[in-house]
Amino acid sequence: MGFMDDAKETAKAMGEKVKDTWEDTTDRIGDKVDEMKAESEAKKAEAERDSVKARNDIKEDLRDDT
């Protein structure tokens, strides 16, 4: 029975290792998705800021011309 017990323990340990690796991988993927989403939102905010600045500059130029 010693051999079977050892095999069971080894299989259990390998199962735990696979589970841990899977969880780590899914966490890393989730982190990368969050990072990409945050970067996208930051770029959108920068583009909106630039758009508002350009619009305000045009308005200011129009005011100066009158």
C-alpha atoms as a PDB file:
ATOM      1  CA  MET A   1       0.000   0.000   0.000  1.00  0.00           C
ATOM      2  CA  GLY A   2       2.953   2.353   0.420  1.00  0.00           C
ATOM      3  CA  PHE A   3       3.418   2.718  -3.333  1.00  0.00           C
ATOM      4  CA  MET A   4      -0.249   3.588  -3.884  1.00  0.00           C
ATOM      5  CA  ASP A   5      -0.221   6.091  -1.050  1.00  0.00           C
ATOM      6  CA  ASP A   6       2.885   7.740  -2.504  1.00  0.00           C
ATOM      7  CA  ALA A   7       1.284   7.858  -5.947  1.00  0.00           C
ATOM      8  CA  LYS A   8      -1.854   9.443  -4.500  1.00  0.00           C
ATOM      9  CA  GLU A   9       0.169  12.057  -2.637  1.00  0.00           C
ATOM     10  CA  THR A  10       2.210  12.810  -5.752  1.00  0.00           C
ATOM     11  CA  ALA A  11      -0.936  13.146  -7.864  1.00  0.00           C
ATOM     12  CA  LYS A  12      -2.499  15.376  -5.243  1.00  0.00           C
ATOM     13  CA  ALA A  13       0.616  17.573  -5.094  1.00  0.00           C
ATOM     14  CA  MET A  14       0.698  17.840  -8.890  1.00  0.00           C
ATOM     15  CA  GLY A  15      -2.995  18.730  -8.928  1.00  0.00           C
ATOM     16  CA  GLU A  16      -2.389  21.505  -6.406  1.00  0.00           C
ATOM     17  CA  LYS A  17       0.561  22.784  -8.451  1.00  0.00           C
ATOM     18  CA  VAL A  18      -1.540  22.856 -11.630  1.00  0.00           C
ATOM     19  CA  LYS A  19      -4.342  24.623  -9.761  1.00  0.00           C
ATOM     20  CA  ASP A  20      -1.926  27.217  -8.357  1.00  0.00           C
ATOM     21  CA  THR A  21      -0.380  27.782 -11.770  1.00  0.00           C
ATOM     22  CA  TRP A  22      -3.816  28.185 -13.346  1.00  0.00           C
ATOM     23  CA  GLU A  23      -4.910  30.704 -10.707  1.00  0.00           C
ATOM     24  CA  ASP A  24      -1.657  32.636 -11.096  1.00  0.00           C
ATOM     25  CA  THR A  25      -2.072  32.742 -14.864  1.00  0.00           C
ATOM     26  CA  THR A  26      -5.677  33.945 -14.674  1.00  0.00           C
ATOM     27  CA  ASP A  27      -4.650  36.624 -12.159  1.00  0.00           C
ATOM     28  CA  ARG A  28      -1.883  37.817 -14.486  1.00  0.00           C
ATOM     29  CA  ILE A  29      -4.284  37.972 -17.423  1.00  0.00           C
ATOM     30  CA  GLY A  30      -6.779  39.915 -15.328  1.00  0.00           C
ATOM     31  CA  ASP A  31      -4.061  42.323 -14.233  1.00  0.00           C
ATOM     32  CA  LYS A  32      -2.993  42.898 -17.830  1.00  0.00           C
ATOM     33  CA  VAL A  33      -6.607  43.519 -18.906  1.00  0.00           C
ATOM     34  CA  ASP A  34      -7.038  46.029 -16.079  1.00  0.00           C
ATOM     35  CA  GLU A  35      -3.791  47.737 -17.071  1.00  0.00           C
ATOM     36  CA  MET A  36      -4.836  47.990 -20.709  1.00  0.00           C
ATOM     37  CA  LYS A  37      -8.271  49.312 -19.730  1.00  0.00           C
ATOM     38  CA  ALA A  38      -6.729  51.981 -17.495  1.00  0.00           C
ATOM     39  CA  GLU A  39      -4.303  52.991 -20.232  1.00  0.00           C
ATOM     40  CA  SER A  40      -7.176  53.262 -22.704  1.00  0.00           C
ATOM     41  CA  GLU A  41      -9.179  55.428 -20.320  1.00  0.00           C
ATOM     42  CA  ALA A  42      -6.158  57.664 -19.735  1.00  0.00           C
ATOM     43  CA  LYS A  43      -5.636  58.114 -23.478  1.00  0.00           C
ATOM     44  CA  LYS A  44      -9.325  58.923 -23.908  1.00  0.00           C
ATOM     45  CA  ALA A  45      -9.126  61.521 -21.141  1.00  0.00           C
ATOM     46  CA  GLU A  46      -6.012  63.062 -22.720  1.00  0.00           C
ATOM     47  CA  ALA A  47      -7.728  63.237 -26.113  1.00  0.00           C
ATOM     48  CA  GLU A  48     -10.778  64.868 -24.540  1.00  0.00           C
ATOM     49  CA  ARG A  49      -8.554  67.379 -22.730  1.00  0.00           C
ATOM     50  CA  ASP A  50      -6.766  68.232 -25.985  1.00  0.00           C
ATOM     51  CA  SER A  51     -10.099  68.609 -27.769  1.00  0.00           C
ATOM     52  CA  VAL A  52     -11.452  70.971 -25.116  1.00  0.00           C
ATOM     53  CA  LYS A  53      -8.234  73.005 -25.174  1.00  0.00           C
ATOM     54  CA  ALA A  54      -8.369  73.308 -28.962  1.00  0.00           C
ATOM     55  CA  ARG A  55     -12.022  74.350 -28.831  1.00  0.00           C
ATOM     56  CA  ASN A  56     -11.289  76.926 -26.141  1.00  0.00           C
ATOM     57  CA  ASP A  57      -8.333  78.267 -28.126  1.00  0.00           C
ATOM     58  CA  ILE A  58     -10.564  78.700 -31.181  1.00  0.00           C
ATOM     59  CA  LYS A  59     -13.195  80.456 -29.094  1.00  0.00           C
ATOM     60  CA  GLU A  60     -10.546  82.742 -27.614  1.00  0.00           C
ATOM     61  CA  ASP A  61      -9.214  83.584 -31.081  1.00  0.00           C
ATOM     62  CA  LEU A  62     -12.753  84.419 -32.240  1.00  0.00           C
ATOM     63  CA  ARG A  63     -13.256  86.705 -29.243  1.00  0.00           C
ATOM     64  CA  ASP A  64      -9.990  88.476 -29.949  1.00  0.00           C
ATOM     65  CA  ASP A  65     -10.971  89.062 -33.590  1.00  0.00           C
ATOM     66  CA  THR A  66     -14.197  90.877 -32.692  1.00  0.00           C
END
